[in-house]
Amino acid sequence: TTANPYKWTLGGVGRILTNESSPANWQWSTVIDNIGPVTSSVAKLYNKRTKALWLFFGEGRSYYVADDSIDDPTTQRKLFGIKDPCYSFTGNGGFIPGCTSQAGVLTNITNIANVPSETVANSSGFNGWYINMDISGNYQYAEGDPPVNVTKNYGAERVITSTIATTAGLVFFTSYKPYTDVCSIGGKTFIWAARYNTGGDPSALLKGKAIVQVSTGSIEEVDLATAFNQSGDNRKSDAAMEGAPPTDNPPAMLEPPEALKRILHIKER
C-alpha cells in the first residue's frame, strides 16, 4: 500500500492447497509478499528429477493515464523465477500438508555474471532468482521505415502480460515500457527469454517464432533464434515493438515439437 488509501504499489503471490477435499478444507498461504503488484498469470514448471516446482512471473501494472501522469511511473520492477518451498524435494514430491512457508532469499542475476551453475540452481538450497528490469528514463530505439534511432522518455519497465514456461526449459516474459508523455499513447514492448532454473542465457535452446499482437493492431513476428542479444546477455529482445502488449493472452510460441521419446531398434547387417 501507500500513504494514499486509494492507491497500491505492493503485491505478491499466494497459493491455495485444496487438500483434495471440499472448499471448507482449502488452505490459503503466501508464496512471496511485499513485492511489486503482480497483475498477470503465474507460469510453472515441474522438474521430475529434482522434484522442484518452479513459479515464474513479473511485477507490474498499467491501469491508467491521468492528467500528466502514468500509472506507477518510476518504481523499478523485477522478473522472478522461484521454487515453491511447500513442494517437497524428497520422496514422490507433492505439496507438504499444512505448509505455509514463503520463498527464501532470492539471487539477483540482473548481471549475467551472477547466474548460478545448473548444479547450484538445481540444489535444494537454491531458492530462485530475480532480474531487475529497466528504470524510468530516456532510451533510444529504432522507429519508422526506414528505421531511425529516436530518444524518448519512458516509465519503468513492467510486466502486464502472462508469462510462458515451456517444456524445453525456457521461460518467456513480455515487458512493457510506457511513454511518460501522456499525449503519446502506448510505449514499447519487449520479450525476455531465460533458462528456467538458472535464469541465464537461453540462446542454445532458442528456436521457432513468437507472435505478438500489440495495441497498434500490428501482429509482430519475432525470430527466437536471432532476437535476443540486448545488453550482450542474450536474454532480452533487441527490437522494441511499438505499442503495448496484451494484458490477457501471452505471445503465441511456434516451437519445434518435443521429441517423441520412442526407442528405435536398429539391426546391423
C-alpha atoms as a PDB file:
ATOM      1  CA  THR A   1       0.000   0.000   0.000  1.00  0.00           C
ATOM      2  CA  THR A   2       0.949   3.680   0.016  1.00  0.00           C
ATOM      3  CA  ALA A   3       0.050   6.670   2.169  1.00  0.00           C
ATOM      4  CA  ASN A   4      -2.911   7.257  -0.124  1.00  0.00           C
ATOM      5  CA  PRO A   5      -5.525   4.595   0.797  1.00  0.00           C
ATOM      6  CA  TYR A   6      -6.870   4.587  -2.772  1.00  0.00           C
ATOM      7  CA  LYS A   7      -3.582   3.610  -4.390  1.00  0.00           C
ATOM      8  CA  TRP A   8      -1.453   0.492  -4.045  1.00  0.00           C
ATOM      9  CA  THR A   9       2.037  -0.319  -5.235  1.00  0.00           C
ATOM     10  CA  LEU A  10       2.769  -3.621  -3.490  1.00  0.00           C
ATOM     11  CA  GLY A  11       1.667  -7.174  -4.192  1.00  0.00           C
ATOM     12  CA  GLY A  12       2.667 -10.810  -4.013  1.00  0.00           C
ATOM     13  CA  VAL A  13       1.786 -14.371  -4.989  1.00  0.00           C
ATOM     14  CA  GLY A  14      -0.273 -16.814  -2.930  1.00  0.00           C
ATOM     15  CA  ARG A  15      -1.163 -20.499  -3.036  1.00  0.00           C
ATOM     16  CA  ILE A  16      -4.323 -22.433  -2.246  1.00  0.00           C
ATOM     17  CA  LEU A  17      -3.940 -26.066  -1.201  1.00  0.00           C
ATOM     18  CA  THR A  18      -7.227 -27.848  -1.863  1.00  0.00           C
ATOM     19  CA  ASN A  19      -6.133 -30.952   0.099  1.00  0.00           C
ATOM     20  CA  GLU A  20      -8.291 -32.857  -2.404  1.00  0.00           C
ATOM     21  CA  SER A  21     -11.271 -32.005  -0.263  1.00  0.00           C
ATOM     22  CA  SER A  22     -14.226 -29.619  -0.011  1.00  0.00           C
ATOM     23  CA  PRO A  23     -13.626 -25.826  -0.025  1.00  0.00           C
ATOM     24  CA  ALA A  24     -14.080 -25.823   3.738  1.00  0.00           C
ATOM     25  CA  ASN A  25     -10.727 -27.627   3.989  1.00  0.00           C
ATOM     26  CA  TRP A  26      -8.816 -25.498   1.498  1.00  0.00           C
ATOM     27  CA  GLN A  27      -5.799 -23.662   2.855  1.00  0.00           C
ATOM     28  CA  TRP A  28      -4.508 -20.258   1.740  1.00  0.00           C
ATOM     29  CA  SER A  29      -0.908 -19.158   2.295  1.00  0.00           C
ATOM     30  CA  THR A  30       1.619 -16.726   0.827  1.00  0.00           C
ATOM     31  CA  VAL A  31       4.409 -17.758  -1.552  1.00  0.00           C
ATOM     32  CA  ILE A  32       6.030 -14.312  -1.680  1.00  0.00           C
ATOM     33  CA  ASP A  33       4.855 -10.955  -0.345  1.00  0.00           C
ATOM     34  CA  ASN A  34       5.768  -7.255  -0.303  1.00  0.00           C
ATOM     35  CA  ILE A  35       6.993  -7.194  -3.879  1.00  0.00           C
ATOM     36  CA  GLY A  36       5.515  -5.112  -6.686  1.00  0.00           C
ATOM     37  CA  PRO A  37       1.985  -5.710  -7.978  1.00  0.00           C
ATOM     38  CA  VAL A  38       1.533  -8.948  -9.934  1.00  0.00           C
ATOM     39  CA  THR A  39      -1.287  -8.381 -12.413  1.00  0.00           C
ATOM     40  CA  SER A  40      -0.619 -11.219 -14.866  1.00  0.00           C
ATOM     41  CA  SER A  41      -0.760 -15.003 -14.614  1.00  0.00           C
ATOM     42  CA  VAL A  42       1.956 -17.090 -12.943  1.00  0.00           C
ATOM     43  CA  ALA A  43       3.586 -19.799 -15.096  1.00  0.00           C
ATOM     44  CA  LYS A  44       5.028 -23.008 -13.648  1.00  0.00           C
ATOM     45  CA  LEU A  45       7.363 -25.884 -14.483  1.00  0.00           C
ATOM     46  CA  TYR A  46       7.961 -29.093 -12.540  1.00  0.00           C
ATOM     47  CA  ASN A  47      11.347 -30.827 -12.603  1.00  0.00           C
ATOM     48  CA  LYS A  48      10.686 -34.540 -12.069  1.00  0.00           C
ATOM     49  CA  ARG A  49      14.334 -35.269 -11.320  1.00  0.00           C
ATOM     50  CA  THR A  50      14.909 -32.621  -8.647  1.00  0.00           C
ATOM     51  CA  LYS A  51      11.231 -32.555  -7.566  1.00  0.00           C
ATOM     52  CA  ALA A  52      11.174 -28.761  -7.669  1.00  0.00           C
ATOM     53  CA  LEU A  53       8.074 -26.786  -8.596  1.00  0.00           C
ATOM     54  CA  TRP A  54       9.163 -23.530 -10.247  1.00  0.00           C
ATOM     55  CA  LEU A  55       6.950 -20.425 -10.471  1.00  0.00           C
ATOM     56  CA  PHE A  56       7.578 -17.567 -12.927  1.00  0.00           C
ATOM     57  CA  PHE A  57       6.055 -14.089 -13.061  1.00  0.00           C
ATOM     58  CA  GLY A  58       6.861 -10.409 -13.351  1.00  0.00           C
ATOM     59  CA  GLU A  59       5.922  -7.305 -11.390  1.00  0.00           C
ATOM     60  CA  GLY A  60       3.932  -4.528 -12.954  1.00  0.00           C
ATOM     61  CA  ARG A  61       0.674  -2.700 -13.566  1.00  0.00           C
ATOM     62  CA  SER A  62      -0.546  -0.217 -16.160  1.00  0.00           C
ATOM     63  CA  TYR A  63      -4.117   0.773 -15.423  1.00  0.00           C
ATOM     64  CA  TYR A  64      -4.401   4.473 -16.130  1.00  0.00           C
ATOM     65  CA  VAL A  65      -3.118   7.697 -17.622  1.00  0.00           C
ATOM     66  CA  ALA A  66      -4.395  10.591 -15.514  1.00  0.00           C
ATOM     67  CA  ASP A  67      -3.765  14.280 -16.067  1.00  0.00           C
ATOM     68  CA  ASP A  68       0.001  14.470 -16.577  1.00  0.00           C
ATOM     69  CA  SER A  69       0.943  11.104 -15.027  1.00  0.00           C
ATOM     70  CA  ILE A  70       1.020   7.427 -15.979  1.00  0.00           C
ATOM     71  CA  ASP A  71       0.404   4.533 -13.618  1.00  0.00           C
ATOM     72  CA  ASP A  72       3.388   3.584 -11.399  1.00  0.00           C
ATOM     73  CA  PRO A  73       5.885   5.605 -13.468  1.00  0.00           C
ATOM     74  CA  THR A  74       9.217   5.204 -11.671  1.00  0.00           C
ATOM     75  CA  THR A  75       9.414   2.126  -9.419  1.00  0.00           C
ATOM     76  CA  GLN A  76      11.911  -0.443 -10.717  1.00  0.00           C
ATOM     77  CA  ARG A  77      10.237  -3.818 -11.265  1.00  0.00           C
ATOM     78  CA  LYS A  78      11.548  -7.391 -11.453  1.00  0.00           C
ATOM     79  CA  LEU A  79      11.209 -10.738 -13.235  1.00  0.00           C
ATOM     80  CA  PHE A  80      11.053 -13.766 -10.912  1.00  0.00           C
ATOM     81  CA  GLY A  81      11.800 -17.482 -11.055  1.00  0.00           C
ATOM     82  CA  ILE A  82      11.267 -19.125  -7.653  1.00  0.00           C
ATOM     83  CA  LYS A  83      10.883 -22.594  -6.161  1.00  0.00           C
ATOM     84  CA  ASP A  84       7.736 -23.159  -4.151  1.00  0.00           C
ATOM     85  CA  PRO A  85       9.086 -24.071  -0.690  1.00  0.00           C
ATOM     86  CA  CYS A  86       5.904 -26.001   0.124  1.00  0.00           C
ATOM     87  CA  TYR A  87       6.569 -28.548  -2.605  1.00  0.00           C
ATOM     88  CA  SER A  88       8.577 -31.481  -1.279  1.00  0.00           C
ATOM     89  CA  PHE A  89      12.039 -32.107  -2.723  1.00  0.00           C
ATOM     90  CA  THR A  90      12.096 -35.683  -1.390  1.00  0.00           C
ATOM     91  CA  GLY A  91      10.181 -38.910  -1.907  1.00  0.00           C
ATOM     92  CA  ASN A  92       7.483 -38.684  -4.530  1.00  0.00           C
ATOM     93  CA  GLY A  93       7.253 -34.914  -4.264  1.00  0.00           C
ATOM     94  CA  GLY A  94       3.911 -33.185  -3.802  1.00  0.00           C
ATOM     95  CA  PHE A  95       2.757 -30.373  -1.565  1.00  0.00           C
ATOM     96  CA  ILE A  96       3.593 -30.667   2.123  1.00  0.00           C
ATOM     97  CA  PRO A  97       0.361 -30.813   4.166  1.00  0.00           C
ATOM     98  CA  GLY A  98      -0.138 -27.722   6.325  1.00  0.00           C
ATOM     99  CA  CYS A  99       2.868 -25.901   4.835  1.00  0.00           C
ATOM    100  CA  THR A 100       2.689 -22.098   4.770  1.00  0.00           C
ATOM    101  CA  SER A 101       6.362 -21.313   4.058  1.00  0.00           C
ATOM    102  CA  GLN A 102       7.294 -18.302   1.976  1.00  0.00           C
ATOM    103  CA  ALA A 103      10.070 -18.207  -0.600  1.00  0.00           C
ATOM    104  CA  GLY A 104      13.547 -17.730   0.837  1.00  0.00           C
ATOM    105  CA  VAL A 105      16.240 -15.279  -0.209  1.00  0.00           C
ATOM    106  CA  LEU A 106      16.475 -14.993  -3.994  1.00  0.00           C
ATOM    107  CA  THR A 107      19.618 -14.493  -6.076  1.00  0.00           C
ATOM    108  CA  ASN A 108      19.970 -11.267  -8.056  1.00  0.00           C
ATOM    109  CA  ILE A 109      21.022 -12.291 -11.579  1.00  0.00           C
ATOM    110  CA  THR A 110      20.472  -8.930 -13.282  1.00  0.00           C
ATOM    111  CA  ASN A 111      24.161  -9.143 -14.175  1.00  0.00           C
ATOM    112  CA  ILE A 112      24.650 -12.232 -16.339  1.00  0.00           C
ATOM    113  CA  ALA A 113      27.928 -12.873 -14.495  1.00  0.00           C
ATOM    114  CA  ASN A 114      25.904 -13.703 -11.354  1.00  0.00           C
ATOM    115  CA  VAL A 115      23.906 -16.508 -12.960  1.00  0.00           C
ATOM    116  CA  PRO A 116      24.443 -19.745 -10.981  1.00  0.00           C
ATOM    117  CA  SER A 117      25.502 -23.053 -12.469  1.00  0.00           C
ATOM    118  CA  GLU A 118      22.924 -25.741 -13.248  1.00  0.00           C
ATOM    119  CA  THR A 119      24.193 -27.733 -10.268  1.00  0.00           C
ATOM    120  CA  VAL A 120      23.693 -24.831  -7.870  1.00  0.00           C
ATOM    121  CA  ALA A 121      20.285 -23.907  -9.318  1.00  0.00           C
ATOM    122  CA  ASN A 122      19.052 -27.495  -9.007  1.00  0.00           C
ATOM    123  CA  SER A 123      20.219 -27.889  -5.409  1.00  0.00           C
ATOM    124  CA  SER A 124      17.632 -27.835  -2.625  1.00  0.00           C
ATOM    125  CA  GLY A 125      19.382 -24.842  -1.028  1.00  0.00           C
ATOM    126  CA  PHE A 126      18.773 -22.572  -4.029  1.00  0.00           C
ATOM    127  CA  ASN A 127      15.505 -20.632  -3.649  1.00  0.00           C
ATOM    128  CA  GLY A 128      15.299 -18.927  -7.012  1.00  0.00           C
ATOM    129  CA  TRP A 129      16.295 -15.766  -8.845  1.00  0.00           C
ATOM    130  CA  TYR A 130      15.189 -12.320  -9.975  1.00  0.00           C
ATOM    131  CA  ILE A 131      16.165  -9.854 -12.698  1.00  0.00           C
ATOM    132  CA  ASN A 132      15.775  -6.081 -12.395  1.00  0.00           C
ATOM    133  CA  MET A 133      14.080  -4.502 -15.402  1.00  0.00           C
ATOM    134  CA  ASP A 134      14.905  -1.025 -16.722  1.00  0.00           C
ATOM    135  CA  ILE A 135      14.277   2.039 -14.599  1.00  0.00           C
ATOM    136  CA  SER A 136      12.406   5.054 -15.978  1.00  0.00           C
ATOM    137  CA  GLY A 137      14.395   7.458 -18.138  1.00  0.00           C
ATOM    138  CA  ASN A 138      15.471   8.354 -21.657  1.00  0.00           C
ATOM    139  CA  TYR A 139      16.080   5.446 -24.038  1.00  0.00           C
ATOM    140  CA  GLN A 140      16.840   5.252 -27.736  1.00  0.00           C
ATOM    141  CA  TYR A 141      15.021   2.813 -30.035  1.00  0.00           C
ATOM    142  CA  ALA A 142      14.603   2.492 -33.784  1.00  0.00           C
ATOM    143  CA  GLU A 143      11.346   3.846 -35.237  1.00  0.00           C
ATOM    144  CA  GLY A 144       9.866   4.332 -38.684  1.00  0.00           C
ATOM    145  CA  ASP A 145      10.627   2.909 -42.108  1.00  0.00           C
ATOM    146  CA  PRO A 146      13.487   3.187 -42.830  1.00  0.00           C
ATOM    147  CA  PRO A 147      14.279   2.866 -39.101  1.00  0.00           C
ATOM    148  CA  VAL A 148      15.830   5.850 -37.336  1.00  0.00           C
ATOM    149  CA  ASN A 149      17.007   5.881 -33.718  1.00  0.00           C
ATOM    150  CA  VAL A 150      14.720   8.099 -31.629  1.00  0.00           C
ATOM    151  CA  THR A 151      15.229   9.063 -27.970  1.00  0.00           C
ATOM    152  CA  LYS A 152      12.124   9.319 -25.774  1.00  0.00           C
ATOM    153  CA  ASN A 153      11.341   9.255 -22.066  1.00  0.00           C
ATOM    154  CA  TYR A 154       9.805   6.037 -20.753  1.00  0.00           C
ATOM    155  CA  GLY A 155       8.275   4.910 -17.495  1.00  0.00           C
ATOM    156  CA  ALA A 156       9.784   1.983 -15.602  1.00  0.00           C
ATOM    157  CA  GLU A 157       9.679  -1.344 -17.439  1.00  0.00           C
ATOM    158  CA  ARG A 158       6.984  -3.728 -16.168  1.00  0.00           C
ATOM    159  CA  VAL A 159       5.139  -6.988 -16.888  1.00  0.00           C
ATOM    160  CA  ILE A 160       1.401  -6.874 -17.567  1.00  0.00           C
ATOM    161  CA  THR A 161       1.190  -9.965 -19.807  1.00  0.00           C
ATOM    162  CA  SER A 162       1.038 -13.608 -18.710  1.00  0.00           C
ATOM    163  CA  THR A 163       4.367 -15.427 -18.582  1.00  0.00           C
ATOM    164  CA  ILE A 164       5.077 -18.583 -20.611  1.00  0.00           C
ATOM    165  CA  ALA A 165       7.130 -21.563 -19.389  1.00  0.00           C
ATOM    166  CA  THR A 166       7.957 -24.287 -21.916  1.00  0.00           C
ATOM    167  CA  THR A 167       8.951 -27.936 -21.541  1.00  0.00           C
ATOM    168  CA  ALA A 168      12.179 -27.087 -23.347  1.00  0.00           C
ATOM    169  CA  GLY A 169      13.255 -25.421 -20.081  1.00  0.00           C
ATOM    170  CA  LEU A 170      12.759 -21.834 -21.219  1.00  0.00           C
ATOM    171  CA  VAL A 171      10.689 -19.020 -19.730  1.00  0.00           C
ATOM    172  CA  PHE A 172       9.345 -16.082 -21.762  1.00  0.00           C
ATOM    173  CA  PHE A 173       8.303 -12.770 -20.218  1.00  0.00           C
ATOM    174  CA  THR A 174       6.666  -9.918 -22.155  1.00  0.00           C
ATOM    175  CA  SER A 175       7.612  -6.497 -20.774  1.00  0.00           C
ATOM    176  CA  TYR A 176       6.312  -3.014 -21.439  1.00  0.00           C
ATOM    177  CA  LYS A 177       7.817   0.473 -21.183  1.00  0.00           C
ATOM    178  CA  PRO A 178       5.074   3.146 -21.427  1.00  0.00           C
ATOM    179  CA  TYR A 179       5.711   6.648 -22.706  1.00  0.00           C
ATOM    180  CA  THR A 180       5.772   9.221 -19.911  1.00  0.00           C
ATOM    181  CA  ASP A 181       4.376  11.847 -22.289  1.00  0.00           C
ATOM    182  CA  VAL A 182       0.635  11.352 -21.738  1.00  0.00           C
ATOM    183  CA  CYS A 183      -0.036  12.802 -25.182  1.00  0.00           C
ATOM    184  CA  SER A 184       1.783   9.800 -26.679  1.00  0.00           C
ATOM    185  CA  ILE A 185      -0.347   6.681 -26.404  1.00  0.00           C
ATOM    186  CA  GLY A 186       1.343   3.367 -25.738  1.00  0.00           C
ATOM    187  CA  GLY A 187       5.047   2.646 -25.457  1.00  0.00           C
ATOM    188  CA  LYS A 188       7.439  -0.162 -26.364  1.00  0.00           C
ATOM    189  CA  THR A 189       7.092  -3.933 -25.944  1.00  0.00           C
ATOM    190  CA  PHE A 190       9.940  -6.421 -25.410  1.00  0.00           C
ATOM    191  CA  ILE A 191      10.294 -10.165 -24.963  1.00  0.00           C
ATOM    192  CA  TRP A 192      12.622 -11.711 -22.378  1.00  0.00           C
ATOM    193  CA  ALA A 193      13.845 -15.302 -22.509  1.00  0.00           C
ATOM    194  CA  ALA A 194      15.705 -17.145 -19.750  1.00  0.00           C
ATOM    195  CA  ARG A 195      16.757 -20.627 -18.713  1.00  0.00           C
ATOM    196  CA  TYR A 196      14.118 -21.715 -16.185  1.00  0.00           C
ATOM    197  CA  ASN A 197      16.367 -22.796 -13.294  1.00  0.00           C
ATOM    198  CA  THR A 198      19.407 -20.523 -13.615  1.00  0.00           C
ATOM    199  CA  GLY A 199      17.736 -17.532 -15.266  1.00  0.00           C
ATOM    200  CA  GLY A 200      20.703 -17.494 -17.624  1.00  0.00           C
ATOM    201  CA  ASP A 201      21.434 -17.310 -21.335  1.00  0.00           C
ATOM    202  CA  PRO A 202      18.824 -19.395 -23.218  1.00  0.00           C
ATOM    203  CA  SER A 203      20.309 -18.966 -26.692  1.00  0.00           C
ATOM    204  CA  ALA A 204      21.358 -22.599 -27.183  1.00  0.00           C
ATOM    205  CA  LEU A 205      17.700 -23.661 -26.903  1.00  0.00           C
ATOM    206  CA  LEU A 206      16.027 -20.791 -28.748  1.00  0.00           C
ATOM    207  CA  LYS A 207      14.215 -21.978 -31.869  1.00  0.00           C
ATOM    208  CA  GLY A 208      10.947 -21.065 -33.541  1.00  0.00           C
ATOM    209  CA  LYS A 209       8.983 -17.822 -33.539  1.00  0.00           C
ATOM    210  CA  ALA A 210       6.896 -15.694 -31.183  1.00  0.00           C
ATOM    211  CA  ILE A 211       3.760 -13.945 -32.437  1.00  0.00           C
ATOM    212  CA  VAL A 212       2.639 -10.830 -30.517  1.00  0.00           C
ATOM    213  CA  GLN A 213      -0.275  -8.514 -31.299  1.00  0.00           C
ATOM    214  CA  VAL A 214       0.403  -5.075 -29.797  1.00  0.00           C
ATOM    215  CA  SER A 215      -2.003  -2.219 -29.124  1.00  0.00           C
ATOM    216  CA  THR A 216      -1.365  -0.590 -32.523  1.00  0.00           C
ATOM    217  CA  GLY A 217      -3.094  -3.579 -34.116  1.00  0.00           C
ATOM    218  CA  SER A 218       0.172  -4.796 -35.618  1.00  0.00           C
ATOM    219  CA  ILE A 219       0.955  -8.520 -35.381  1.00  0.00           C
ATOM    220  CA  GLU A 220       4.682  -8.778 -34.703  1.00  0.00           C
ATOM    221  CA  GLU A 221       6.697 -11.895 -35.546  1.00  0.00           C
ATOM    222  CA  VAL A 222       9.881 -12.429 -33.531  1.00  0.00           C
ATOM    223  CA  ASP A 223      12.508 -14.958 -34.659  1.00  0.00           C
ATOM    224  CA  LEU A 224      13.580 -16.548 -31.372  1.00  0.00           C
ATOM    225  CA  ALA A 225      16.916 -17.737 -32.748  1.00  0.00           C
ATOM    226  CA  THR A 226      18.152 -14.213 -33.542  1.00  0.00           C
ATOM    227  CA  ALA A 227      16.101 -11.792 -31.438  1.00  0.00           C
ATOM    228  CA  PHE A 228      17.865 -11.917 -28.062  1.00  0.00           C
ATOM    229  CA  ASN A 229      21.114 -10.049 -27.719  1.00  0.00           C
ATOM    230  CA  GLN A 230      20.328  -6.851 -25.786  1.00  0.00           C
ATOM    231  CA  SER A 231      22.981  -5.846 -23.252  1.00  0.00           C
ATOM    232  CA  GLY A 232      25.089  -8.725 -24.523  1.00  0.00           C
ATOM    233  CA  ASP A 233      23.493 -11.355 -22.266  1.00  0.00           C
ATOM    234  CA  ASN A 234      21.034 -12.851 -24.805  1.00  0.00           C
ATOM    235  CA  ARG A 235      18.001 -12.558 -22.522  1.00  0.00           C
ATOM    236  CA  LYS A 236      16.127  -9.505 -23.872  1.00  0.00           C
ATOM    237  CA  SER A 237      14.946  -8.862 -27.412  1.00  0.00           C
ATOM    238  CA  ASP A 238      16.891  -6.275 -29.387  1.00  0.00           C
ATOM    239  CA  ALA A 239      13.888  -4.883 -31.215  1.00  0.00           C
ATOM    240  CA  ALA A 240      11.434  -2.635 -29.384  1.00  0.00           C
ATOM    241  CA  MET A 241       7.937  -3.308 -30.705  1.00  0.00           C
ATOM    242  CA  GLU A 242       5.757  -0.209 -30.971  1.00  0.00           C
ATOM    243  CA  GLY A 243       2.650  -0.380 -28.778  1.00  0.00           C
ATOM    244  CA  ALA A 244       1.527  -2.013 -25.549  1.00  0.00           C
ATOM    245  CA  PRO A 245       1.353  -5.812 -25.219  1.00  0.00           C
ATOM    246  CA  PRO A 246      -1.925  -7.621 -24.497  1.00  0.00           C
ATOM    247  CA  THR A 247      -2.896  -7.946 -20.841  1.00  0.00           C
ATOM    248  CA  ASP A 248      -4.701 -11.260 -21.263  1.00  0.00           C
ATOM    249  CA  ASN A 249      -3.116 -13.523 -23.868  1.00  0.00           C
ATOM    250  CA  PRO A 250       0.653 -14.127 -23.901  1.00  0.00           C
ATOM    251  CA  PRO A 251       2.583 -14.342 -27.173  1.00  0.00           C
ATOM    252  CA  ALA A 252       1.972 -17.423 -29.297  1.00  0.00           C
ATOM    253  CA  MET A 253       5.122 -19.549 -29.348  1.00  0.00           C
ATOM    254  CA  LEU A 254       5.712 -21.538 -32.542  1.00  0.00           C
ATOM    255  CA  GLU A 255       8.400 -24.000 -31.494  1.00  0.00           C
ATOM    256  CA  PRO A 256       9.649 -27.332 -32.846  1.00  0.00           C
ATOM    257  CA  PRO A 257       7.655 -30.257 -31.389  1.00  0.00           C
ATOM    258  CA  GLU A 258       9.005 -32.237 -28.462  1.00  0.00           C
ATOM    259  CA  ALA A 259      10.923 -35.446 -29.096  1.00  0.00           C
ATOM    260  CA  LEU A 260       8.611 -38.468 -29.261  1.00  0.00           C
ATOM    261  CA  LYS A 261      10.785 -40.448 -26.811  1.00  0.00           C
ATOM    262  CA  ARG A 262      10.468 -43.612 -28.864  1.00  0.00           C
ATOM    263  CA  ILE A 263      13.104 -46.304 -28.838  1.00  0.00           C
ATOM    264  CA  LEU A 264      14.437 -47.076 -32.290  1.00  0.00           C
ATOM    265  CA  HIS A 265      15.617 -50.620 -32.940  1.00  0.00           C
ATOM    266  CA  ILE A 266      18.479 -50.860 -35.399  1.00  0.00           C
ATOM    267  CA  LYS A 267      19.649 -54.160 -36.756  1.00  0.00           C
ATOM    268  CA  GLU A 268      23.172 -54.246 -38.104  1.00  0.00           C
ATOM    269  CA  ARG A 269      23.804 -56.497 -41.072  1.00  0.00           C
END
